N, C-alpha and C. Protein backbone atom coordinates (compact mmCIF):
# COMPACT_ATOMS: atom_id res chain seq x y z
N MET A 1 -11.62 6.69 1.59
CA MET A 1 -12.24 5.97 2.69
C MET A 1 -13.75 6.01 2.67
N GLY A 2 -14.37 6.73 1.84
CA GLY A 2 -15.73 6.86 1.68
C GLY A 2 -16.20 8.29 1.49
N THR A 3 -17.46 8.56 1.87
CA THR A 3 -18.08 10.01 1.66
C THR A 3 -18.40 10.53 2.90
N ASP A 4 -18.12 11.76 3.15
CA ASP A 4 -18.56 12.48 4.53
C ASP A 4 -20.05 12.63 4.41
N ARG A 5 -20.79 12.24 5.14
CA ARG A 5 -22.18 12.51 5.13
C ARG A 5 -22.58 13.87 5.25
N ALA A 6 -21.90 14.67 5.92
CA ALA A 6 -22.36 15.98 6.27
C ALA A 6 -22.04 16.84 5.12
N THR A 7 -20.88 16.69 4.34
CA THR A 7 -20.42 17.58 3.14
C THR A 7 -20.76 16.92 1.98
N GLY A 8 -20.73 15.59 1.90
CA GLY A 8 -20.92 14.88 0.56
C GLY A 8 -19.46 14.83 -0.10
N LYS A 9 -18.40 15.28 0.53
CA LYS A 9 -17.11 15.16 -0.05
C LYS A 9 -16.49 13.88 0.19
N THR A 10 -15.61 13.54 -0.73
CA THR A 10 -14.72 12.16 -0.63
C THR A 10 -13.90 12.44 0.54
N MET A 11 -13.77 11.36 1.51
CA MET A 11 -12.78 11.36 2.58
C MET A 11 -11.59 10.59 2.25
N LEU A 12 -10.53 11.09 2.46
CA LEU A 12 -9.19 10.35 2.18
C LEU A 12 -8.41 10.18 3.41
N ALA A 13 -7.66 9.19 3.45
CA ALA A 13 -6.66 8.91 4.52
C ALA A 13 -5.39 9.21 4.03
N LEU A 14 -4.70 10.10 4.88
CA LEU A 14 -3.24 10.56 4.44
C LEU A 14 -2.58 9.90 5.63
N PRO A 15 -1.84 8.69 5.46
CA PRO A 15 -1.11 8.03 6.44
C PRO A 15 0.29 8.90 6.68
N GLU A 16 0.77 8.77 7.83
CA GLU A 16 1.91 9.59 8.37
C GLU A 16 2.88 8.38 8.56
N PRO A 17 4.06 8.62 8.18
CA PRO A 17 5.19 7.64 8.45
C PRO A 17 5.21 7.33 10.01
N GLY A 18 5.11 6.02 10.28
CA GLY A 18 5.19 5.77 11.78
C GLY A 18 3.77 5.89 12.34
N GLY A 19 2.75 6.06 11.66
CA GLY A 19 1.36 6.19 12.12
C GLY A 19 0.69 4.89 12.18
N ALA A 20 -0.49 4.90 12.59
CA ALA A 20 -1.43 3.73 12.83
C ALA A 20 -1.51 2.94 11.67
N LEU A 21 -1.80 3.47 10.44
CA LEU A 21 -2.03 2.75 9.30
C LEU A 21 -0.80 2.04 8.75
N GLU A 22 0.46 2.72 8.97
CA GLU A 22 1.75 1.95 8.62
C GLU A 22 1.82 0.78 9.57
N ARG A 23 1.49 1.05 10.87
CA ARG A 23 1.85 0.00 11.71
C ARG A 23 0.78 -1.24 11.40
N MET A 24 -0.38 -0.97 11.11
CA MET A 24 -1.29 -1.99 10.69
C MET A 24 -0.89 -2.68 9.45
N ALA A 25 -0.39 -1.96 8.63
CA ALA A 25 0.28 -2.57 7.35
C ALA A 25 1.47 -3.58 7.62
N ASP A 26 2.40 -3.04 8.60
CA ASP A 26 3.42 -3.69 9.01
C ASP A 26 3.05 -5.14 9.75
N VAL A 27 2.23 -4.98 10.65
CA VAL A 27 1.74 -6.21 11.26
C VAL A 27 0.96 -7.10 10.27
N THR A 28 0.15 -6.74 9.38
CA THR A 28 -0.44 -7.69 8.36
C THR A 28 0.79 -8.23 7.39
N ALA A 29 1.65 -7.60 7.06
CA ALA A 29 2.92 -8.11 6.32
C ALA A 29 3.59 -9.17 7.14
N LEU A 30 3.88 -9.06 8.42
CA LEU A 30 4.45 -10.00 9.21
C LEU A 30 3.62 -11.11 9.39
N GLU A 31 2.28 -10.89 9.65
CA GLU A 31 1.39 -12.07 9.81
C GLU A 31 1.21 -12.88 8.62
N THR A 32 1.19 -12.20 7.26
CA THR A 32 1.22 -13.00 6.21
C THR A 32 2.58 -13.88 6.07
N ALA A 33 3.50 -13.10 6.08
CA ALA A 33 4.97 -13.97 6.11
C ALA A 33 4.92 -15.13 6.96
N THR A 34 4.40 -15.07 8.29
CA THR A 34 4.39 -16.05 9.20
C THR A 34 3.49 -17.25 8.55
N VAL A 35 2.36 -16.97 8.12
CA VAL A 35 1.42 -17.85 7.57
C VAL A 35 1.92 -18.65 6.38
N VAL A 36 2.53 -17.89 5.40
CA VAL A 36 3.12 -18.49 4.25
C VAL A 36 4.34 -19.41 4.66
N THR A 37 5.19 -18.88 5.49
CA THR A 37 6.31 -19.69 5.96
C THR A 37 5.90 -21.03 6.60
N ALA A 38 4.86 -20.79 7.41
CA ALA A 38 4.29 -22.18 8.20
C ALA A 38 3.83 -23.02 7.12
N ILE A 39 3.06 -22.64 6.16
CA ILE A 39 2.27 -23.48 5.20
C ILE A 39 3.62 -24.24 4.38
N VAL A 40 4.44 -23.43 3.93
CA VAL A 40 5.72 -24.05 3.05
C VAL A 40 6.52 -24.96 3.90
N GLY A 41 6.65 -24.55 5.23
CA GLY A 41 7.58 -25.44 6.07
C GLY A 41 6.75 -26.80 6.29
N GLU A 42 5.44 -26.77 6.39
CA GLU A 42 4.79 -28.02 6.64
C GLU A 42 4.87 -28.95 5.31
N ILE A 43 4.70 -28.28 4.19
CA ILE A 43 4.80 -29.06 2.96
C ILE A 43 6.39 -29.61 2.80
N LEU A 44 7.23 -28.85 2.95
CA LEU A 44 8.60 -29.32 2.92
C LEU A 44 8.93 -30.56 3.96
N GLU A 45 8.33 -30.46 5.17
CA GLU A 45 8.52 -31.46 6.15
C GLU A 45 7.92 -32.73 5.68
N ALA A 46 6.80 -32.64 5.01
CA ALA A 46 6.04 -33.81 4.67
C ALA A 46 6.82 -34.49 3.52
N GLY A 47 7.51 -33.87 2.69
CA GLY A 47 8.37 -34.30 1.72
C GLY A 47 7.74 -34.99 0.58
N LYS A 48 6.39 -34.66 0.21
CA LYS A 48 5.56 -35.28 -0.85
C LYS A 48 5.38 -34.42 -1.90
N ALA A 49 5.75 -33.18 -1.93
CA ALA A 49 5.50 -32.16 -3.04
C ALA A 49 6.43 -32.29 -3.96
N SER A 50 6.01 -32.22 -5.21
CA SER A 50 6.79 -32.39 -6.39
C SER A 50 7.53 -30.90 -6.62
N ASP A 51 8.43 -30.80 -7.41
CA ASP A 51 9.26 -29.52 -7.77
C ASP A 51 8.16 -28.38 -8.25
N ALA A 52 7.36 -29.00 -9.19
CA ALA A 52 6.32 -28.18 -9.76
C ALA A 52 5.34 -27.44 -8.68
N GLU A 53 4.90 -28.24 -7.81
CA GLU A 53 4.08 -27.85 -6.73
C GLU A 53 4.76 -26.85 -5.81
N LEU A 54 6.18 -27.04 -5.40
CA LEU A 54 7.03 -26.22 -4.49
C LEU A 54 7.10 -25.00 -5.38
N SER A 55 7.47 -24.98 -6.66
CA SER A 55 7.69 -23.90 -7.42
C SER A 55 6.47 -22.95 -7.46
N SER A 56 5.27 -23.35 -7.18
CA SER A 56 4.16 -22.51 -7.14
C SER A 56 4.12 -21.61 -5.97
N PHE A 57 4.94 -21.97 -4.94
CA PHE A 57 4.97 -21.06 -3.82
C PHE A 57 6.01 -19.88 -3.92
N VAL A 58 6.83 -19.93 -4.97
CA VAL A 58 8.06 -19.04 -5.11
C VAL A 58 7.56 -17.54 -5.28
N PRO A 59 6.48 -17.32 -5.91
CA PRO A 59 6.19 -15.88 -6.15
C PRO A 59 5.48 -15.30 -4.69
N THR A 60 4.60 -16.25 -4.21
CA THR A 60 4.13 -15.77 -2.73
C THR A 60 5.19 -15.65 -1.54
N LEU A 61 6.30 -16.50 -1.64
CA LEU A 61 7.29 -16.44 -0.74
C LEU A 61 8.14 -15.09 -1.04
N HIS A 62 8.39 -14.94 -2.27
CA HIS A 62 9.06 -13.67 -2.68
C HIS A 62 8.41 -12.46 -2.23
N ALA A 63 7.19 -12.26 -2.45
CA ALA A 63 6.28 -11.16 -2.07
C ALA A 63 6.34 -10.99 -0.64
N ALA A 64 6.24 -11.97 0.19
CA ALA A 64 6.13 -11.98 1.76
C ALA A 64 7.57 -11.61 2.08
N LEU A 65 8.72 -11.96 1.50
CA LEU A 65 10.03 -11.57 1.90
C LEU A 65 10.27 -10.14 1.62
N CYS A 66 9.83 -9.71 0.51
CA CYS A 66 9.94 -8.23 -0.05
C CYS A 66 9.20 -7.28 1.04
N GLU A 67 7.95 -7.62 1.53
CA GLU A 67 7.34 -6.94 2.49
C GLU A 67 8.04 -6.87 3.90
N VAL A 68 8.42 -8.20 4.18
CA VAL A 68 9.12 -8.22 5.54
C VAL A 68 10.44 -7.52 5.55
N THR A 69 11.31 -7.55 4.42
CA THR A 69 12.31 -6.66 4.34
C THR A 69 12.08 -5.20 4.49
N GLU A 70 11.10 -4.82 3.80
CA GLU A 70 10.74 -3.32 3.82
C GLU A 70 10.48 -2.90 5.22
N VAL A 71 9.61 -3.80 5.92
CA VAL A 71 9.35 -3.58 7.27
C VAL A 71 10.63 -3.45 8.15
N ALA A 72 11.38 -4.46 7.99
CA ALA A 72 12.75 -4.46 8.72
C ALA A 72 13.63 -3.22 8.45
N ALA A 73 13.65 -2.85 7.33
CA ALA A 73 14.49 -1.68 6.84
C ALA A 73 13.90 -0.49 7.45
N ARG A 74 12.59 -0.17 7.30
CA ARG A 74 12.07 0.93 7.86
C ARG A 74 12.17 0.96 9.44
N LEU A 75 11.99 -0.07 10.07
CA LEU A 75 12.32 -0.12 11.52
C LEU A 75 13.67 0.22 11.89
N LEU A 76 14.58 -0.31 11.23
CA LEU A 76 16.00 -0.05 11.42
C LEU A 76 16.47 1.35 11.24
N SER A 77 15.80 1.91 10.04
CA SER A 77 16.17 3.24 9.78
C SER A 77 15.57 4.23 10.76
N ALA A 78 14.47 3.88 11.42
CA ALA A 78 13.71 4.64 12.52
C ALA A 78 14.60 4.69 13.88
N ASP A 79 15.52 3.59 13.98
CA ASP A 79 16.33 3.48 15.32
C ASP A 79 17.48 4.29 15.11
N GLU A 80 17.95 4.93 13.99
CA GLU A 80 19.04 5.64 13.83
C GLU A 80 18.94 6.90 14.33
């Protein structure tokens, strides 16, 4: 995270499960997936994209889906 001005030592963040940093990461993952989904949805609705153009979104969609799946799994396991 930087250097402590008083001691000169490196400061580290040790996130706790369910802590603020994890929540921020979850929100970011959900926001990213929402934006990617909206963009791809608009492209599909327009119906003018080639298969090659559409295939360029597959890695991004896969990454967003993986992140959202991890968030959902973590939230479901926390409810148990």
